[in-house]
């Protein structure tokens, strides 16, 4: 594995060439046997947490009829975005400490194109706006009032996203107003989804309402390419969930994909990305972070800090909820 310090220290094209070439040389080429496994294992869709089960169902409807992975992940994550009982994503999400529901999302396709929105208010499906950013603008990310203005121009409808249930919880929190917006094993967030279609192409999506009662204006990892989501169609893809600040500090999903590029399988890569947090950030025990990854051979990996992270896998006509392994065991 290449250290960041050594990479920065390399000052010539020759030195850079010596570093980069082995990285690409380590990308696994599919053998005939691998190709057979691949055909049997795709299409597939995988997503974070138990709300991934209904999200997978929607994505599978796209994939099983020959649809592409980008349409699948967009349709899939819109299910929890619209569900008021999923209080960490979209409509019904917990508000910030000032009572505003603010949403973050990003999407990435097989070609490396991506779109993102952050600090978006009043729009139920930020993932659909993120796709419009990708396809209709020269930009990757729009934020705040600009993102809202763009969404309205694209025909999205302004709505009140603060449900009575979320408002009640916020008003109860205000009694003490203790500011501890920590994502732990009990207070998780985000729907992150990865899919491989019949053509073998990978796409991903990530969407959230973020940490409950956060500072107004806070943005987590979910809309950031390389933090909440990263896809390289030659290698694989990864999504993150949990405390976004830890993921941003280590660019977790980019790290996972690059580790897979260097020869690790998805499980090994997710484990190493969590280890990076554990070794770099002293207060890691206070938070939960989980990674989920797939590669071009349709292998799956997941790993988290604390027990409690699970993910939904739809493959071979079965939609299953699976518990992830963790660094801390209890």
Protein backbone atom coordinates (compact mmCIF):
# COMPACT_ATOMS: atom_id res chain seq x y z
CA UNK A 1 0.00 0.00 0.00
CA UNK A 2 1.30 3.47 -0.93
CA UNK A 3 1.68 5.93 1.95
CA UNK A 4 0.38 9.45 1.39
CA UNK A 5 3.67 10.93 2.59
CA UNK A 6 5.72 8.92 0.12
CA UNK A 7 3.35 9.80 -2.68
CA UNK A 8 3.62 13.53 -1.97
CA UNK A 9 7.38 13.26 -1.66
CA UNK A 10 7.70 11.84 -5.17
CA UNK A 11 8.75 14.86 -7.22
CA UNK A 12 9.44 13.55 -10.69
CA UNK A 13 7.42 11.95 -13.44
CA UNK A 14 9.71 8.93 -13.29
CA UNK A 15 9.04 8.46 -9.60
CA UNK A 16 5.31 8.89 -10.10
CA UNK A 17 5.35 6.37 -12.91
CA UNK A 18 7.09 3.88 -10.66
CA UNK A 19 4.39 4.35 -8.06
CA UNK A 20 1.34 4.32 -10.29
CA UNK A 21 2.13 1.43 -12.61
CA UNK A 22 1.98 -1.33 -9.99
CA UNK A 23 -1.37 0.00 -8.78
CA UNK A 24 -3.05 -0.57 -12.13
CA UNK A 25 -1.12 -3.77 -12.68
CA UNK A 26 -2.76 -5.20 -9.58
CA UNK A 27 -6.31 -4.86 -10.91
CA UNK A 28 -7.69 -8.37 -11.13
CA UNK A 29 -8.54 -9.59 -14.62
CA UNK A 30 -11.58 -11.86 -14.86
CA UNK A 31 -10.80 -15.42 -15.86
CA UNK A 32 -13.34 -17.63 -17.64
CA UNK A 33 -14.21 -19.10 -14.26
CA UNK A 34 -14.71 -15.64 -12.77
CA UNK A 35 -16.92 -14.66 -15.70
CA UNK A 36 -19.15 -17.65 -15.06
CA UNK A 37 -19.48 -16.69 -11.41
CA UNK A 38 -20.23 -13.15 -12.47
CA UNK A 39 -23.06 -14.24 -14.78
CA UNK A 40 -24.61 -16.26 -12.00
CA UNK A 41 -24.35 -13.48 -9.43
CA UNK A 42 -25.65 -10.50 -11.42
CA UNK A 43 -27.72 -8.49 -11.51
CA UNK A 44 -27.40 -7.61 -7.84
CA UNK A 45 -28.17 -4.73 -5.50
CA UNK A 46 -26.93 -4.04 -2.01
CA UNK A 47 -27.79 -1.29 0.46
CA UNK A 48 -27.25 -0.16 4.03
CA UNK A 49 -29.46 -0.92 7.01
CA UNK A 50 -32.85 -2.60 7.27
CA UNK A 51 -34.53 0.13 5.23
CA UNK A 52 -32.43 -1.32 2.43
CA UNK A 53 -34.86 -4.23 2.15
CA UNK A 54 -37.72 -2.21 0.57
CA UNK A 55 -35.20 -0.04 -1.27
CA UNK A 56 -33.69 -3.17 -2.83
CA UNK A 57 -37.14 -4.34 -3.90
CA UNK A 58 -37.64 -1.18 -5.94
CA UNK A 59 -34.16 -1.37 -7.44
CA UNK A 60 -34.63 -5.03 -8.33
CA UNK A 61 -37.73 -4.22 -10.37
CA UNK A 62 -35.48 -2.17 -12.62
CA UNK A 63 -32.66 -4.71 -12.79
CA UNK A 64 -34.72 -7.85 -13.36
CA UNK A 65 -36.22 -6.39 -16.53
CA UNK A 66 -32.80 -5.51 -17.95
CA UNK A 67 -32.70 -1.94 -16.68
CA UNK A 68 -29.44 -0.18 -15.91
CA UNK A 69 -27.77 0.19 -12.55
CA UNK A 70 -28.12 3.99 -12.44
CA UNK A 71 -31.92 3.88 -12.77
CA UNK A 72 -31.99 1.06 -10.22
CA UNK A 73 -30.15 2.92 -7.47
CA UNK A 74 -32.11 6.12 -8.04
CA UNK A 75 -35.44 4.31 -7.84
CA UNK A 76 -34.28 2.22 -4.90
CA UNK A 77 -33.22 4.95 -2.52
CA UNK A 78 -36.34 7.00 -3.25
CA UNK A 79 -38.30 4.46 -1.16
CA UNK A 80 -36.76 5.47 2.20
CA UNK A 81 -36.58 9.09 1.04
CA UNK A 82 -40.39 9.10 0.85
CA UNK A 83 -41.03 7.00 3.99
CA UNK A 84 -41.87 9.20 7.02
CA UNK A 85 -41.04 6.31 9.33
CA UNK A 86 -37.39 6.31 8.18
CA UNK A 87 -36.33 9.27 10.30
CA UNK A 88 -32.78 9.54 9.00
CA UNK A 89 -33.55 9.96 5.29
CA UNK A 90 -35.67 12.42 3.34
CA UNK A 91 -39.28 13.14 4.28
CA UNK A 92 -39.72 12.65 8.03
CA UNK A 93 -36.02 12.98 8.78
CA UNK A 94 -35.00 14.54 12.08
CA UNK A 95 -34.43 18.29 11.73
CA UNK A 96 -31.36 20.29 12.67
CA UNK A 97 -31.28 22.07 16.02
CA UNK A 98 -33.21 25.01 14.54
CA UNK A 99 -36.04 22.77 13.32
CA UNK A 100 -35.12 22.61 9.61
CA UNK A 101 -34.95 19.33 7.67
CA UNK A 102 -31.86 19.57 5.46
CA UNK A 103 -30.91 16.84 3.02
CA UNK A 104 -27.73 15.59 1.35
CA UNK A 105 -27.39 13.14 -1.55
CA UNK A 106 -25.14 12.03 -4.36
CA UNK A 107 -25.24 9.63 -7.28
CA UNK A 108 -22.52 8.19 -9.53
CA UNK A 109 -22.70 6.19 -12.76
CA UNK A 110 -20.55 3.64 -14.57
CA UNK A 111 -18.66 6.35 -16.49
CA UNK A 112 -17.53 8.23 -13.41
CA UNK A 113 -20.10 10.99 -13.88
CA UNK A 114 -21.57 12.19 -10.61
CA UNK A 115 -24.00 14.67 -9.15
CA UNK A 116 -24.63 15.92 -5.65
CA UNK A 117 -26.77 18.21 -3.53
CA UNK A 118 -26.07 19.38 0.00
CA UNK A 119 -28.02 21.38 2.56
CA UNK A 120 -31.12 21.05 0.37
CA UNK A 121 -34.49 21.89 1.96
CA UNK A 122 -38.13 21.31 0.96
CA UNK A 123 -37.49 18.66 -1.72
CA UNK A 124 -38.56 15.10 -0.92
CA UNK A 125 -36.19 13.33 -3.34
CA UNK A 126 -32.72 14.88 -3.20
CA UNK A 127 -31.29 11.88 -5.07
CA UNK A 128 -33.34 12.82 -8.14
CA UNK A 129 -32.07 16.39 -7.91
CA UNK A 130 -28.50 15.08 -7.64
CA UNK A 131 -29.01 13.12 -10.86
CA UNK A 132 -30.27 16.27 -12.57
CA UNK A 133 -27.15 18.10 -11.41
CA UNK A 134 -25.08 15.33 -13.00
CA UNK A 135 -26.98 15.28 -16.28
CA UNK A 136 -28.13 18.87 -16.76
CA UNK A 137 -25.25 21.00 -15.43
CA UNK A 138 -21.47 21.18 -15.84
CA UNK A 139 -21.12 20.88 -12.05
CA UNK A 140 -20.87 18.07 -9.51
CA UNK A 141 -22.45 19.71 -6.45
CA UNK A 142 -25.09 22.35 -5.76
CA UNK A 143 -25.86 23.48 -2.22
CA UNK A 144 -28.43 25.30 -0.14
CA UNK A 145 -30.57 27.95 -1.80
CA UNK A 146 -28.86 27.35 -5.13
CA UNK A 147 -29.72 23.66 -5.03
CA UNK A 148 -33.33 24.47 -4.14
CA UNK A 149 -33.61 27.04 -6.94
CA UNK A 150 -32.23 24.51 -9.42
CA UNK A 151 -34.65 21.82 -8.21
CA UNK A 152 -37.64 24.12 -8.64
CA UNK A 153 -36.45 25.09 -12.12
CA UNK A 154 -36.29 21.38 -12.95
CA UNK A 155 -39.93 20.90 -11.94
CA UNK A 156 -39.54 19.54 -8.41
CA UNK A 157 -42.25 20.54 -5.93
CA UNK A 158 -41.53 22.40 -2.71
CA UNK A 159 -42.90 20.52 0.31
CA UNK A 160 -42.87 20.60 4.10
CA UNK A 161 -40.61 17.71 5.12
CA UNK A 162 -40.98 18.10 8.90
CA UNK A 163 -43.55 15.51 9.99
CA UNK A 164 -45.48 15.70 13.25
CA UNK A 165 -43.47 12.78 14.61
CA UNK A 166 -40.11 14.40 13.86
CA UNK A 167 -41.31 17.77 15.14
CA UNK A 168 -42.41 16.22 18.43
CA UNK A 169 -39.03 14.56 18.90
CA UNK A 170 -37.27 17.86 18.17
CA UNK A 171 -39.45 19.76 20.66
CA UNK A 172 -38.68 17.16 23.33
CA UNK A 173 -34.98 17.53 22.56
CA UNK A 174 -35.22 21.32 22.93
CA UNK A 175 -36.16 20.97 26.60
CA UNK A 176 -32.52 20.29 27.41
CA UNK A 177 -30.97 21.14 24.02
CA UNK A 178 -27.95 18.99 24.73
CA UNK A 179 -25.91 19.19 21.56
CA UNK A 180 -24.59 15.70 20.95
CA UNK A 181 -25.40 14.86 17.32
CA UNK A 182 -23.48 11.58 17.38
CA UNK A 183 -24.18 8.67 15.10
CA UNK A 184 -23.80 5.46 17.07
CA UNK A 185 -25.06 1.89 16.82
CA UNK A 186 -28.57 2.93 17.89
CA UNK A 187 -28.80 6.22 16.00
CA UNK A 188 -27.82 5.41 12.44
CA UNK A 189 -28.40 7.29 9.23
CA UNK A 190 -28.17 7.15 5.46
CA UNK A 191 -29.31 4.82 2.73
CA UNK A 192 -26.33 3.91 0.57
CA UNK A 193 -26.91 1.60 -2.40
CA UNK A 194 -24.75 -0.13 -5.00
CA UNK A 195 -25.99 -2.11 -8.00
CA UNK A 196 -24.58 -4.19 -10.84
CA UNK A 197 -26.81 -4.61 -13.88
CA UNK A 198 -26.89 -7.39 -16.48
CA UNK A 199 -24.19 -5.63 -18.49
CA UNK A 200 -21.89 -5.77 -15.46
CA UNK A 201 -21.94 -1.99 -14.93
CA UNK A 202 -21.90 -0.50 -11.43
CA UNK A 203 -23.68 2.61 -10.12
CA UNK A 204 -24.30 3.95 -6.65
CA UNK A 205 -26.43 6.37 -4.65
CA UNK A 206 -26.34 7.82 -1.15
CA UNK A 207 -28.95 10.00 0.56
CA UNK A 208 -29.63 11.22 4.10
CA UNK A 209 -31.14 13.84 6.36
CA UNK A 210 -27.95 13.73 8.39
CA UNK A 211 -27.34 13.82 12.11
CA UNK A 212 -30.36 14.71 14.23
CA UNK A 213 -30.26 18.23 15.73
CA UNK A 214 -27.01 19.11 13.96
CA UNK A 215 -25.84 22.70 13.55
CA UNK A 216 -27.84 24.49 10.87
CA UNK A 217 -25.70 24.26 7.74
CA UNK A 218 -23.82 21.10 8.70
CA UNK A 219 -23.08 18.79 5.78
CA UNK A 220 -21.88 15.23 6.27
CA UNK A 221 -20.13 12.74 4.04
CA UNK A 222 -23.17 11.57 2.08
CA UNK A 223 -23.05 14.14 -0.76
CA UNK A 224 -19.26 14.04 -1.07
CA UNK A 225 -17.82 11.87 -3.83
CA UNK A 226 -15.05 9.75 -2.34
CA UNK A 227 -16.47 10.02 1.18
CA UNK A 228 -20.09 8.84 1.22
CA UNK A 229 -19.90 7.13 -2.19
CA UNK A 230 -17.36 6.19 -4.82
CA UNK A 231 -17.60 4.13 -8.01
CA UNK A 232 -14.93 2.96 -10.42
CA UNK A 233 -16.53 0.68 -12.97
CA UNK A 234 -13.20 -1.04 -13.66
CA UNK A 235 -12.85 -2.02 -10.01
CA UNK A 236 -16.00 -1.73 -7.88
CA UNK A 237 -17.89 0.63 -5.60
CA UNK A 238 -18.36 1.53 -1.95
CA UNK A 239 -20.77 3.44 0.28
CA UNK A 240 -20.44 4.67 3.85
CA UNK A 241 -22.86 5.15 6.72
CA UNK A 242 -22.54 6.53 10.22
CA UNK A 243 -20.73 9.59 11.57
CA UNK A 244 -19.87 11.52 8.43
CA UNK A 245 -17.05 13.54 9.94
CA UNK A 246 -14.96 10.38 10.44
CA UNK A 247 -15.62 9.27 6.87
CA UNK A 248 -14.67 12.69 5.47
CA UNK A 249 -11.44 12.77 7.45
CA UNK A 250 -10.31 9.52 5.83
CA UNK A 251 -12.11 9.69 2.43
CA UNK A 252 -13.39 6.22 3.23
CA UNK A 253 -15.13 5.06 0.07
CA UNK A 254 -12.36 6.26 -2.23
CA UNK A 255 -9.95 4.41 0.03
CA UNK A 256 -12.00 1.21 -0.18
CA UNK A 257 -12.09 1.30 -3.98
CA UNK A 258 -8.38 2.04 -4.26
CA UNK A 259 -7.59 -0.83 -1.90
CA UNK A 260 -9.64 -3.10 -4.16
CA UNK A 261 -7.72 -1.71 -7.14
CA UNK A 262 -4.55 -2.81 -5.37
CA UNK A 263 -5.79 -6.38 -5.05
CA UNK A 264 -7.89 -6.54 -1.87
CA UNK A 265 -11.33 -8.13 -1.97
CA UNK A 266 -14.27 -5.99 -0.74
CA UNK A 267 -14.22 -7.43 2.77
CA UNK A 268 -10.52 -6.81 3.22
CA UNK A 269 -10.87 -3.28 1.84
CA UNK A 270 -13.77 -2.35 4.15
CA UNK A 271 -11.88 -3.72 7.13
CA UNK A 272 -8.78 -1.71 6.26
CA UNK A 273 -10.85 1.49 5.86
CA UNK A 274 -12.28 1.05 9.36
CA UNK A 275 -8.79 0.33 10.65
CA UNK A 276 -7.69 3.65 9.14
CA UNK A 277 -10.28 5.43 11.31
CA UNK A 278 -9.32 3.44 14.39
CA UNK A 279 -5.62 4.21 14.03
CA UNK A 280 -5.97 7.86 12.99
CA UNK A 281 -8.85 9.16 15.13
CA UNK A 282 -8.55 8.82 18.90
CA UNK A 283 -12.25 9.15 19.74
CA UNK A 284 -13.45 6.47 17.30
CA UNK A 285 -15.17 4.46 20.08
CA UNK A 286 -17.74 7.24 20.50
CA UNK A 287 -19.10 6.79 16.97
CA UNK A 288 -20.36 4.28 14.47
CA UNK A 289 -19.12 4.05 10.89
CA UNK A 290 -19.85 1.25 8.46
CA UNK A 291 -18.62 0.53 4.94
CA UNK A 292 -20.25 -1.56 2.25
CA UNK A 293 -18.52 -2.53 -1.00
CA UNK A 294 -18.78 -4.67 -4.13
CA UNK A 295 -16.29 -5.48 -6.88
CA UNK A 296 -16.60 -6.41 -10.54
CA UNK A 297 -16.73 -10.11 -9.64
CA UNK A 298 -19.91 -9.42 -7.62
CA UNK A 299 -18.12 -10.08 -4.34
CA UNK A 300 -19.43 -8.21 -1.30
CA UNK A 301 -17.74 -6.79 1.78
CA UNK A 302 -18.81 -4.89 4.89
CA UNK A 303 -17.21 -3.79 8.12
CA UNK A 304 -17.98 -1.32 10.90
CA UNK A 305 -16.64 0.01 14.19
CA UNK A 306 -19.35 -1.23 16.57
CA UNK A 307 -21.68 -4.23 16.25
CA UNK A 308 -25.10 -3.32 14.91
CA UNK A 309 -24.55 -2.35 11.29
CA UNK A 310 -26.44 -4.49 8.80
CA UNK A 311 -27.07 -4.43 5.08
CA UNK A 312 -29.57 -5.80 2.57
CA UNK A 313 -28.40 -7.93 -0.35
CA UNK A 314 -30.68 -8.79 -3.30
CA UNK A 315 -29.11 -11.51 -5.41
CA UNK A 316 -30.36 -14.70 -7.07
CA UNK A 317 -33.97 -13.62 -6.44
CA UNK A 318 -33.38 -13.39 -2.67
CA UNK A 319 -33.46 -10.20 -0.59
CA UNK A 320 -31.60 -10.84 2.67
CA UNK A 321 -30.63 -8.72 5.67
CA UNK A 322 -27.08 -9.53 6.82
CA UNK A 323 -25.20 -8.47 9.96
CA UNK A 324 -21.79 -6.92 9.38
CA UNK A 325 -18.63 -7.89 11.18
CA UNK A 326 -17.16 -5.17 13.40
CA UNK A 327 -13.87 -3.98 14.87
CA UNK A 328 -15.28 -3.82 18.40
CA UNK A 329 -17.09 -6.99 19.35
CA UNK A 330 -19.33 -5.71 22.11
